[in-house]
Amino acid sequence: MKHDYHVVFTTIEDGWIMATAPELPGAVTQGRTMDEARANIKEAIELLLESYRDNAAKDAPGNAIWEVLSIDVPAS
């Protein structure tokens, strides 16, 4: 499944680039270059979503029904 996330890149001290995904609080990282920051935020988002899913699976009751729901969100 593919989903697009908005990412904000900000130059911080010593020329590092901070990357955040405002739609996913906690998805924050940095890199020395845009390419590194982009790769790092992609990994941070993947790991955060994996963690959310794992925690949800642990907390769900045994009779829970799981399904994938696709939602189109207009780009801004």
N, C-alpha and C. Protein backbone atom coordinates (compact mmCIF):
# COMPACT_ATOMS: atom_id res chain seq x y z
N MET A 1 0.85 -1.17 0.00
CA MET A 1 0.00 0.00 0.00
C MET A 1 0.89 1.24 0.00
N LYS A 2 0.52 2.20 -0.77
CA LYS A 2 1.29 3.44 -0.88
C LYS A 2 0.49 4.59 -0.30
N HIS A 3 1.17 5.44 0.44
CA HIS A 3 0.54 6.65 0.97
C HIS A 3 1.55 7.78 0.89
N ASP A 4 1.09 8.95 0.52
CA ASP A 4 1.98 10.11 0.43
C ASP A 4 1.91 10.91 1.73
N TYR A 5 3.06 11.37 2.19
CA TYR A 5 3.14 12.20 3.38
C TYR A 5 3.83 13.50 3.03
N HIS A 6 3.37 14.57 3.65
CA HIS A 6 4.06 15.85 3.50
C HIS A 6 5.29 15.82 4.41
N VAL A 7 6.40 16.31 3.92
CA VAL A 7 7.63 16.37 4.71
C VAL A 7 8.16 17.80 4.66
N VAL A 8 8.58 18.30 5.82
CA VAL A 8 9.13 19.64 5.92
C VAL A 8 10.62 19.53 6.22
N PHE A 9 11.43 20.19 5.39
CA PHE A 9 12.88 20.20 5.57
C PHE A 9 13.29 21.59 6.03
N THR A 10 14.07 21.66 7.10
CA THR A 10 14.52 22.92 7.67
C THR A 10 16.01 22.85 7.94
N THR A 11 16.74 23.86 7.49
CA THR A 11 18.18 23.90 7.80
C THR A 11 18.34 24.33 9.25
N ILE A 12 19.12 23.54 9.99
CA ILE A 12 19.35 23.84 11.40
C ILE A 12 20.84 24.09 11.62
N GLU A 13 21.27 24.11 12.86
CA GLU A 13 22.64 24.47 13.17
C GLU A 13 23.67 23.59 12.46
N ASP A 14 24.78 24.21 12.16
CA ASP A 14 25.91 23.55 11.48
C ASP A 14 25.56 23.02 10.10
N GLY A 15 24.48 23.55 9.49
CA GLY A 15 24.13 23.17 8.13
C GLY A 15 23.36 21.86 8.00
N TRP A 16 23.06 21.20 9.11
CA TRP A 16 22.28 19.97 9.06
C TRP A 16 20.87 20.30 8.59
N ILE A 17 20.19 19.31 8.02
CA ILE A 17 18.82 19.49 7.55
C ILE A 17 17.90 18.60 8.38
N MET A 18 16.95 19.24 9.07
CA MET A 18 15.97 18.50 9.86
C MET A 18 14.77 18.19 8.97
N ALA A 19 14.26 16.98 9.10
CA ALA A 19 13.09 16.55 8.33
C ALA A 19 12.01 16.10 9.29
N THR A 20 10.78 16.59 9.08
CA THR A 20 9.65 16.18 9.89
C THR A 20 8.47 15.85 8.98
N ALA A 21 7.61 14.98 9.46
CA ALA A 21 6.36 14.67 8.78
C ALA A 21 5.24 15.13 9.71
N PRO A 22 4.69 16.33 9.47
CA PRO A 22 3.70 16.90 10.39
C PRO A 22 2.49 16.01 10.64
N GLU A 23 2.14 15.17 9.68
CA GLU A 23 0.98 14.28 9.84
C GLU A 23 1.27 13.12 10.79
N LEU A 24 2.55 12.91 11.10
CA LEU A 24 2.95 11.81 11.97
C LEU A 24 3.85 12.34 13.08
N PRO A 25 3.27 12.85 14.16
CA PRO A 25 4.11 13.33 15.25
C PRO A 25 5.08 12.24 15.69
N GLY A 26 6.31 12.59 15.85
CA GLY A 26 7.34 11.63 16.20
C GLY A 26 8.22 11.26 15.03
N ALA A 27 7.77 11.56 13.81
CA ALA A 27 8.59 11.30 12.63
C ALA A 27 9.48 12.51 12.40
N VAL A 28 10.63 12.48 13.05
CA VAL A 28 11.59 13.58 13.00
C VAL A 28 12.99 12.98 12.87
N THR A 29 13.79 13.56 11.99
CA THR A 29 15.16 13.09 11.82
C THR A 29 15.97 14.21 11.20
N GLN A 30 17.20 13.91 10.84
CA GLN A 30 18.05 14.91 10.20
C GLN A 30 19.07 14.24 9.30
N GLY A 31 19.74 15.04 8.52
CA GLY A 31 20.80 14.54 7.65
C GLY A 31 21.73 15.67 7.29
N ARG A 32 22.92 15.33 6.86
CA ARG A 32 23.90 16.35 6.44
C ARG A 32 23.53 16.95 5.09
N THR A 33 22.82 16.17 4.26
CA THR A 33 22.40 16.63 2.93
C THR A 33 20.90 16.38 2.77
N MET A 34 20.30 16.97 1.74
CA MET A 34 18.89 16.71 1.46
C MET A 34 18.64 15.24 1.17
N ASP A 35 19.54 14.62 0.41
CA ASP A 35 19.37 13.20 0.10
C ASP A 35 19.39 12.35 1.36
N GLU A 36 20.32 12.65 2.27
CA GLU A 36 20.41 11.90 3.52
C GLU A 36 19.18 12.16 4.39
N ALA A 37 18.76 13.42 4.49
CA ALA A 37 17.58 13.75 5.29
C ALA A 37 16.34 13.07 4.70
N ARG A 38 16.22 13.05 3.38
CA ARG A 38 15.08 12.41 2.71
C ARG A 38 15.07 10.90 2.99
N ALA A 39 16.21 10.26 2.88
CA ALA A 39 16.30 8.82 3.16
C ALA A 39 15.98 8.53 4.63
N ASN A 40 16.48 9.39 5.52
CA ASN A 40 16.27 9.17 6.95
C ASN A 40 14.80 9.36 7.35
N ILE A 41 14.12 10.35 6.76
CA ILE A 41 12.71 10.56 7.13
C ILE A 41 11.85 9.43 6.55
N LYS A 42 12.21 8.92 5.39
CA LYS A 42 11.48 7.78 4.83
C LYS A 42 11.59 6.59 5.79
N GLU A 43 12.79 6.32 6.26
CA GLU A 43 12.99 5.22 7.20
C GLU A 43 12.26 5.49 8.52
N ALA A 44 12.30 6.72 9.01
CA ALA A 44 11.62 7.06 10.26
C ALA A 44 10.12 6.84 10.15
N ILE A 45 9.53 7.24 9.02
CA ILE A 45 8.10 7.04 8.80
C ILE A 45 7.77 5.54 8.76
N GLU A 46 8.56 4.78 8.02
CA GLU A 46 8.33 3.34 7.92
C GLU A 46 8.39 2.68 9.29
N LEU A 47 9.41 3.03 10.09
CA LEU A 47 9.56 2.42 11.41
C LEU A 47 8.45 2.85 12.37
N LEU A 48 8.04 4.11 12.29
CA LEU A 48 6.97 4.60 13.15
C LEU A 48 5.65 3.89 12.84
N LEU A 49 5.32 3.76 11.55
CA LEU A 49 4.09 3.08 11.17
C LEU A 49 4.12 1.60 11.55
N GLU A 50 5.27 0.97 11.38
CA GLU A 50 5.42 -0.43 11.78
C GLU A 50 5.19 -0.58 13.29
N SER A 51 5.74 0.35 14.06
CA SER A 51 5.56 0.33 15.51
C SER A 51 4.09 0.52 15.89
N TYR A 52 3.41 1.48 15.22
CA TYR A 52 1.99 1.71 15.47
C TYR A 52 1.19 0.43 15.21
N ARG A 53 1.46 -0.23 14.07
CA ARG A 53 0.73 -1.44 13.71
C ARG A 53 0.98 -2.56 14.72
N ASP A 54 2.26 -2.73 15.11
CA ASP A 54 2.59 -3.78 16.08
C ASP A 54 1.89 -3.54 17.41
N ASN A 55 1.89 -2.30 17.88
CA ASN A 55 1.23 -1.98 19.14
C ASN A 55 -0.28 -2.17 19.04
N ALA A 56 -0.86 -1.78 17.91
CA ALA A 56 -2.30 -1.96 17.72
C ALA A 56 -2.66 -3.44 17.73
N ALA A 57 -1.84 -4.26 17.10
CA ALA A 57 -2.10 -5.70 17.05
C ALA A 57 -2.02 -6.32 18.45
N LYS A 58 -1.09 -5.85 19.26
CA LYS A 58 -0.95 -6.37 20.63
C LYS A 58 -2.14 -5.97 21.50
N ASP A 59 -2.68 -4.76 21.26
CA ASP A 59 -3.75 -4.24 22.09
C ASP A 59 -5.15 -4.65 21.62
N ALA A 60 -5.26 -5.15 20.42
CA ALA A 60 -6.58 -5.49 19.86
C ALA A 60 -7.12 -6.77 20.52
N PRO A 61 -8.40 -6.80 20.76
CA PRO A 61 -9.00 -8.02 21.30
C PRO A 61 -8.90 -9.16 20.27
N GLY A 62 -8.94 -10.37 20.74
CA GLY A 62 -8.79 -11.53 19.87
C GLY A 62 -9.85 -11.65 18.79
N ASN A 63 -11.03 -11.07 19.01
CA ASN A 63 -12.10 -11.17 18.03
C ASN A 63 -12.16 -9.95 17.10
N ALA A 64 -11.14 -9.13 17.12
CA ALA A 64 -11.12 -7.93 16.27
C ALA A 64 -11.02 -8.32 14.81
N ILE A 65 -11.68 -7.54 13.96
CA ILE A 65 -11.63 -7.75 12.52
C ILE A 65 -10.72 -6.69 11.93
N TRP A 66 -9.72 -7.10 11.18
CA TRP A 66 -8.76 -6.19 10.57
C TRP A 66 -9.02 -6.10 9.08
N GLU A 67 -8.94 -4.91 8.53
CA GLU A 67 -9.03 -4.73 7.08
C GLU A 67 -8.24 -3.49 6.70
N VAL A 68 -7.94 -3.39 5.42
CA VAL A 68 -7.23 -2.22 4.89
C VAL A 68 -8.26 -1.32 4.25
N LEU A 69 -8.23 -0.04 4.60
CA LEU A 69 -9.15 0.94 4.07
C LEU A 69 -8.35 1.98 3.30
N SER A 70 -8.67 2.20 2.06
CA SER A 70 -7.99 3.18 1.23
C SER A 70 -8.78 4.48 1.22
N ILE A 71 -8.11 5.58 1.49
CA ILE A 71 -8.73 6.89 1.54
C ILE A 71 -7.96 7.83 0.65
N ASP A 72 -8.66 8.52 -0.24
CA ASP A 72 -8.02 9.55 -1.07
C ASP A 72 -8.07 10.87 -0.32
N VAL A 73 -6.89 11.43 -0.07
CA VAL A 73 -6.79 12.71 0.61
C VAL A 73 -6.33 13.75 -0.41
N PRO A 74 -7.09 14.83 -0.57
CA PRO A 74 -6.69 15.83 -1.56
C PRO A 74 -5.33 16.42 -1.21
N ALA A 75 -4.49 16.61 -2.22
CA ALA A 75 -3.20 17.26 -2.02
C ALA A 75 -3.42 18.73 -1.80
N SER A 76 -2.61 19.30 -0.94
CA SER A 76 -2.75 20.74 -0.70
C SER A 76 -1.59 21.50 -1.29
